[in-house]
Amino acid sequence: MKIFSTKGKTTSDIVFDTIIFILCLFIFLLVAYPLYFVIIASVSDSTLVSTGQVTLYPKGFSLFGYKEIFNDSRIWVGYKNTIIYTVLGTLVNLLLTLPAAYVLSRQDFKARRFLMFIFVVTMFFNGGLIPTYLLMKELSLINNMWVFILPFSVNVFNLIITRTFFESSLPKELFEAAQMDGCTHFQFFGKIALPLSKAVISVVGLYYLVGHWNDFFTGLIYIRDYSLQPLQIVLRDILLSNQVFAEGAGAGGAAGGYAQKYADQIKYGVIIVSTLPILIIYPFIQKYFEKGVMIGSVKG
């Protein structure tokens, strides 16, 4: 199968297509190789990795890093917590963001400009860490799983993206036609607007999902109970423990020397463990994501 057809093309077109193909291939390798390197480094001898001998394939193959990671019972607790926080958090985010964006996109809603201004102000000004912590404490959200979900349930950037989509993709004539058949705003939103908005729902949902999955700061500041710690905090603790071995602690014993030798395996293994679920989910919503990135770019 040909990569691109040359039939009916001039020499300049063929040269241009070739240059574009080479450029795209270079960009792909530039993006893909670091991920590939992390994968092969996670199963290679740390000494060979640090000396630059591991480039295209693993050397000194060993699964020591993954064994150390998955033998830690905290990993499974962290995975469970993060999955709960991510799923519930994303659902709450969408349940609040989508209706708010729809309302703010309606031209006949007179308070839309004032409310949008209030939302945008929060993108530039906030109360700061200490007032926010005191607020969470007063709301009894310290050491509470809901601190990951409720306080940050609407992201203004995602709200603007969704509002722009509704404005550009749902013309007022569509609502007027539905209104003639007795359709209310609630019915129009649920039966017409949402089914036509799969692209923006997927894009915004992916943004929220990745944000919750990678949320490190919330757990670090507001959670003290280890049974509520998200995966990112657990992985941080593993990395800190691993750093002790990497700097020489415990090197006097055979087990300590082995741990020091393969310290980087744990570091690279942690990267794979933390990113693999997102990499698995992305291909299933890629087609919607490709449509969604163009939201609001073309009007007419």
Protein backbone atom coordinates (compact mmCIF):
# COMPACT_ATOMS: atom_id res chain seq x y z
CA MET A 1 0.00 0.00 0.00
CA LYS A 2 1.37 3.39 -0.96
CA ILE A 3 1.92 5.97 1.75
CA PHE A 4 0.72 8.71 -0.59
CA SER A 5 -0.32 8.63 -4.22
CA THR A 6 1.74 10.38 -6.89
CA LYS A 7 -0.84 9.99 -9.64
CA GLY A 8 -1.70 13.30 -11.28
CA LYS A 9 0.80 15.27 -9.20
CA THR A 10 3.55 17.57 -10.41
CA THR A 11 7.16 17.22 -9.32
CA SER A 12 6.80 20.12 -6.90
CA ASP A 13 3.75 18.47 -5.30
CA ILE A 14 5.66 15.20 -4.86
CA VAL A 15 8.62 17.02 -3.31
CA PHE A 16 6.29 18.92 -0.98
CA ASP A 17 4.47 15.73 0.09
CA THR A 18 7.80 14.00 0.70
CA ILE A 19 9.07 16.85 2.86
CA ILE A 20 5.82 16.90 4.85
CA PHE A 21 5.98 13.12 5.32
CA ILE A 22 9.59 13.27 6.55
CA LEU A 23 8.76 16.16 8.86
CA CYS A 24 5.75 14.34 10.34
CA LEU A 25 7.81 11.18 10.78
CA PHE A 26 10.52 13.18 12.57
CA ILE A 27 7.95 14.79 14.89
CA PHE A 28 6.40 11.38 15.60
CA LEU A 29 9.79 9.91 16.55
CA LEU A 30 10.54 12.99 18.63
CA VAL A 31 7.34 12.44 20.61
CA ALA A 32 7.27 8.63 20.69
CA TYR A 33 10.91 7.85 21.47
CA PRO A 34 10.95 9.29 25.03
CA LEU A 35 7.98 7.07 25.92
CA TYR A 36 9.65 4.07 24.29
CA PHE A 37 12.88 4.81 26.14
CA VAL A 38 11.05 4.91 29.48
CA ILE A 39 9.55 1.48 28.70
CA ILE A 40 12.87 -0.18 27.83
CA ALA A 41 14.70 1.61 30.66
CA SER A 42 12.17 0.27 33.17
CA VAL A 43 13.28 -3.31 32.39
CA SER A 44 17.01 -2.64 31.87
CA ASP A 45 20.03 -2.55 34.17
CA SER A 46 20.23 0.93 35.71
CA THR A 47 24.01 1.03 35.22
CA LEU A 48 23.66 0.46 31.50
CA VAL A 49 20.90 3.07 31.30
CA SER A 50 22.93 5.72 33.12
CA THR A 51 25.98 5.09 30.92
CA GLY A 52 23.96 5.50 27.73
CA GLN A 53 24.19 1.89 26.57
CA VAL A 54 20.41 1.47 26.39
CA THR A 55 19.04 3.20 23.30
CA LEU A 56 16.95 0.90 21.08
CA TYR A 57 16.30 -2.26 23.11
CA PRO A 58 16.53 -3.41 26.76
CA LYS A 59 19.84 -4.61 28.19
CA GLY A 60 20.26 -6.54 31.42
CA PHE A 61 16.56 -7.42 31.37
CA SER A 62 14.93 -7.51 34.80
CA LEU A 63 11.45 -6.91 36.21
CA PHE A 64 12.80 -5.97 39.64
CA GLY A 65 11.35 -2.44 39.45
CA TYR A 66 7.82 -3.61 38.68
CA LYS A 67 8.04 -6.33 41.35
CA GLU A 68 9.03 -3.74 43.95
CA ILE A 69 6.23 -1.42 42.89
CA PHE A 70 3.44 -4.00 42.81
CA ASN A 71 4.62 -5.76 45.97
CA ASP A 72 3.82 -2.53 47.81
CA SER A 73 0.22 -2.93 49.01
CA ARG A 74 -0.23 0.85 48.97
CA ILE A 75 -0.20 0.74 45.15
CA TRP A 76 -3.52 -1.10 45.02
CA VAL A 77 -5.08 1.21 47.62
CA GLY A 78 -3.83 4.21 45.63
CA TYR A 79 -5.17 2.79 42.37
CA LYS A 80 -8.58 2.15 43.94
CA ASN A 81 -8.75 5.65 45.41
CA THR A 82 -7.61 7.36 42.22
CA ILE A 83 -10.11 5.43 40.09
CA ILE A 84 -12.92 6.43 42.48
CA TYR A 85 -11.83 10.07 42.57
CA THR A 86 -11.38 10.18 38.78
CA VAL A 87 -14.71 8.58 37.87
CA LEU A 88 -16.82 10.45 40.43
CA GLY A 89 -14.93 13.70 39.89
CA THR A 90 -15.33 13.59 36.11
CA LEU A 91 -19.05 12.79 36.40
CA VAL A 92 -19.60 15.70 38.79
CA ASN A 93 -17.54 18.00 36.56
CA LEU A 94 -19.62 17.14 33.49
CA LEU A 95 -22.93 17.32 35.39
CA LEU A 96 -22.13 20.90 36.40
CA THR A 97 -20.11 22.16 33.44
CA LEU A 98 -22.45 21.09 30.62
CA PRO A 99 -25.68 22.69 31.97
CA ALA A 100 -23.79 25.85 33.00
CA ALA A 101 -22.20 26.16 29.55
CA TYR A 102 -25.55 25.62 27.84
CA VAL A 103 -27.23 28.35 29.89
CA LEU A 104 -24.37 30.79 29.30
CA SER A 105 -24.54 30.12 25.55
CA ARG A 106 -28.21 31.21 25.27
CA GLN A 107 -28.46 34.71 23.84
CA ASP A 108 -31.81 35.33 25.55
CA PHE A 109 -30.34 34.78 29.03
CA LYS A 110 -29.78 38.37 30.18
CA ALA A 111 -27.42 37.61 33.07
CA ARG A 112 -25.02 35.60 30.91
CA ARG A 113 -22.40 38.35 30.51
CA PHE A 114 -22.31 39.18 34.21
CA LEU A 115 -22.07 35.51 35.24
CA MET A 116 -19.39 34.85 32.63
CA PHE A 117 -17.42 37.79 33.97
CA ILE A 118 -17.63 36.34 37.49
CA PHE A 119 -16.37 32.99 36.21
CA VAL A 120 -13.47 34.56 34.29
CA VAL A 121 -12.36 36.61 37.30
CA THR A 122 -11.64 33.37 39.16
CA MET A 123 -9.10 32.44 36.46
CA PHE A 124 -6.93 35.41 37.45
CA PHE A 125 -7.59 35.83 41.17
CA ASN A 126 -8.00 33.34 44.00
CA GLY A 127 -7.86 33.37 47.77
CA GLY A 128 -4.50 31.64 48.06
CA LEU A 129 -3.46 28.41 49.74
CA ILE A 130 -3.98 29.33 53.39
CA PRO A 131 -7.51 30.78 53.02
CA THR A 132 -8.44 27.81 50.82
CA TYR A 133 -7.13 25.37 53.42
CA LEU A 134 -9.08 27.12 56.19
CA LEU A 135 -12.21 27.00 54.01
CA MET A 136 -11.77 23.26 53.43
CA LYS A 137 -11.30 22.80 57.16
CA GLU A 138 -14.51 24.67 57.95
CA LEU A 139 -16.35 22.55 55.39
CA SER A 140 -14.99 19.38 57.06
CA LEU A 141 -13.26 18.32 53.86
CA ILE A 142 -9.83 17.71 55.38
CA ASN A 143 -9.09 13.98 55.29
CA ASN A 144 -12.26 13.51 53.27
CA MET A 145 -12.48 11.93 49.82
CA TRP A 146 -14.90 14.65 48.67
CA VAL A 147 -12.09 17.23 48.77
CA PHE A 148 -10.97 15.75 45.43
CA ILE A 149 -14.42 16.16 43.86
CA LEU A 150 -16.57 19.01 45.18
CA PRO A 151 -14.36 22.12 45.66
CA PHE A 152 -12.97 22.12 42.11
CA SER A 153 -16.00 20.79 40.27
CA VAL A 154 -16.00 23.40 37.46
CA ASN A 155 -12.94 24.40 35.47
CA VAL A 156 -13.55 27.79 33.85
CA PHE A 157 -11.35 27.01 30.84
CA ASN A 158 -13.40 23.88 30.10
CA LEU A 159 -16.59 25.88 30.70
CA ILE A 160 -15.54 28.40 28.05
CA ILE A 161 -14.73 25.63 25.56
CA THR A 162 -18.13 24.01 26.10
CA ARG A 163 -20.01 27.31 25.92
CA THR A 164 -18.24 28.17 22.65
CA PHE A 165 -19.24 24.80 21.21
CA PHE A 166 -22.90 25.29 22.11
CA GLU A 167 -22.86 28.80 20.63
CA SER A 168 -21.27 27.74 17.33
CA SER A 169 -22.85 24.30 16.85
CA LEU A 170 -26.39 24.73 18.17
CA PRO A 171 -28.01 27.59 16.23
CA LYS A 172 -31.00 29.33 17.77
CA GLU A 173 -33.10 28.19 14.81
CA LEU A 174 -32.71 24.62 16.03
CA PHE A 175 -34.21 25.51 19.39
CA GLU A 176 -36.94 27.56 17.77
CA ALA A 177 -37.93 24.58 15.61
CA ALA A 178 -38.01 22.32 18.67
CA GLN A 179 -39.90 24.94 20.66
CA MET A 180 -42.67 24.95 18.04
CA ASP A 181 -43.21 21.29 18.87
CA GLY A 182 -43.54 22.11 22.57
CA CYS A 183 -39.92 21.41 23.57
CA THR A 184 -38.68 23.17 26.72
CA HIS A 185 -35.08 24.19 27.45
CA PHE A 186 -34.65 21.13 29.69
CA GLN A 187 -35.95 18.78 27.00
CA PHE A 188 -33.89 20.49 24.30
CA PHE A 189 -30.74 20.20 26.41
CA GLY A 190 -31.29 16.55 27.29
CA LYS A 191 -32.68 15.20 24.02
CA ILE A 192 -31.04 17.38 21.37
CA ALA A 193 -28.07 19.36 22.69
CA LEU A 194 -26.29 16.52 24.51
CA PRO A 195 -26.59 13.90 21.72
CA LEU A 196 -25.14 16.45 19.29
CA SER A 197 -22.29 17.30 21.65
CA LYS A 198 -20.36 14.03 21.86
CA ALA A 199 -17.19 15.75 20.62
CA VAL A 200 -17.07 18.44 23.28
CA ILE A 201 -18.20 16.04 26.01
CA SER A 202 -15.35 13.69 25.12
CA VAL A 203 -12.75 16.46 24.97
CA VAL A 204 -13.80 18.16 28.19
CA GLY A 205 -14.29 14.79 29.88
CA LEU A 206 -10.75 13.79 28.89
CA TYR A 207 -9.38 17.06 30.29
CA TYR A 208 -11.18 16.50 33.58
CA LEU A 209 -10.22 12.83 33.70
CA VAL A 210 -6.51 13.51 33.18
CA GLY A 211 -6.66 16.33 35.72
CA HIS A 212 -8.13 14.07 38.39
CA TRP A 213 -5.78 11.20 37.55
CA ASN A 214 -2.71 13.42 37.87
CA ASP A 215 -3.98 15.36 40.89
CA PHE A 216 -1.06 15.37 43.29
CA PHE A 217 -1.36 18.67 45.14
CA THR A 218 -4.81 18.04 46.65
CA GLY A 219 -3.73 14.80 48.30
CA LEU A 220 -0.48 16.35 49.50
CA ILE A 221 -2.19 19.28 51.22
CA TYR A 222 -5.54 18.00 52.43
CA ILE A 223 -5.12 14.25 53.02
CA ARG A 224 -3.26 12.68 55.95
CA ASP A 225 -4.99 9.31 56.11
CA TYR A 226 -2.99 6.76 54.08
CA SER A 227 -6.17 4.86 53.23
CA LEU A 228 -7.39 7.93 51.29
CA GLN A 229 -4.15 8.78 49.48
CA PRO A 230 -4.35 8.84 45.66
CA LEU A 231 -1.96 6.90 43.45
CA GLN A 232 0.25 9.90 42.74
CA ILE A 233 1.08 10.36 46.45
CA VAL A 234 1.79 6.64 46.83
CA LEU A 235 4.13 6.73 43.83
CA ARG A 236 5.87 9.78 45.28
CA ASP A 237 6.51 7.90 48.53
CA ILE A 238 7.90 4.96 46.57
CA LEU A 239 10.21 7.29 44.64
CA LEU A 240 11.44 8.91 47.85
CA SER A 241 12.14 5.50 49.39
CA ASN A 242 13.86 4.42 46.20
CA GLN A 243 16.01 7.56 46.24
CA VAL A 244 17.47 6.50 49.57
CA PHE A 245 18.76 3.28 47.97
CA ALA A 246 19.93 5.14 44.90
CA GLU A 247 22.11 7.40 47.07
CA GLY A 248 23.74 4.43 48.78
CA ALA A 249 21.70 3.63 51.90
CA GLY A 250 21.61 -0.10 52.49
CA ALA A 251 24.36 -0.76 49.96
CA GLY A 252 26.31 -2.79 52.53
CA GLY A 253 23.97 -5.76 52.13
CA ALA A 254 23.30 -7.85 49.07
CA ALA A 255 19.65 -6.81 48.93
CA GLY A 256 20.60 -3.17 49.37
CA GLY A 257 23.21 -3.41 46.60
CA TYR A 258 20.69 -5.05 44.29
CA ALA A 259 18.15 -2.33 45.05
CA GLN A 260 20.73 0.36 44.40
CA LYS A 261 21.77 -1.26 41.12
CA TYR A 262 18.19 -1.31 39.84
CA ALA A 263 17.01 1.93 41.44
CA ASP A 264 16.24 3.58 38.09
CA GLN A 265 14.02 0.64 37.15
CA ILE A 266 11.67 1.65 39.94
CA LYS A 267 11.74 5.28 38.81
CA TYR A 268 10.89 4.45 35.20
CA GLY A 269 8.41 1.77 36.30
CA VAL A 270 6.53 4.38 38.33
CA ILE A 271 6.16 6.53 35.19
CA ILE A 272 4.67 3.60 33.27
CA VAL A 273 2.33 2.61 36.12
CA SER A 274 1.00 6.15 36.46
CA THR A 275 0.46 6.88 32.76
CA LEU A 276 -0.59 3.51 31.29
CA PRO A 277 -4.33 3.75 32.15
CA ILE A 278 -4.65 7.14 30.41
CA LEU A 279 -2.77 5.83 27.36
CA ILE A 280 -5.19 2.89 27.19
CA ILE A 281 -8.31 5.10 27.41
CA TYR A 282 -7.23 7.73 24.88
CA PRO A 283 -7.54 5.65 21.65
CA PHE A 284 -11.23 4.98 22.39
CA ILE A 285 -12.10 8.69 22.38
CA GLN A 286 -9.49 9.85 19.88
CA LYS A 287 -12.01 10.38 17.06
CA TYR A 288 -14.06 12.71 19.26
CA PHE A 289 -10.94 14.44 20.51
CA GLU A 290 -9.82 15.23 16.96
CA LYS A 291 -13.18 16.88 16.28
CA GLY A 292 -13.21 18.67 19.60
CA VAL A 293 -9.86 20.41 19.25
CA MET A 294 -11.38 22.49 16.43
CA ILE A 295 -14.25 23.71 18.61
CA GLY A 296 -14.95 27.37 18.05
CA SER A 297 -12.22 27.78 15.39
CA VAL A 298 -14.69 28.08 12.49
CA LYS A 299 -17.93 29.99 12.50
CA GLY A 300 -20.56 30.34 9.84
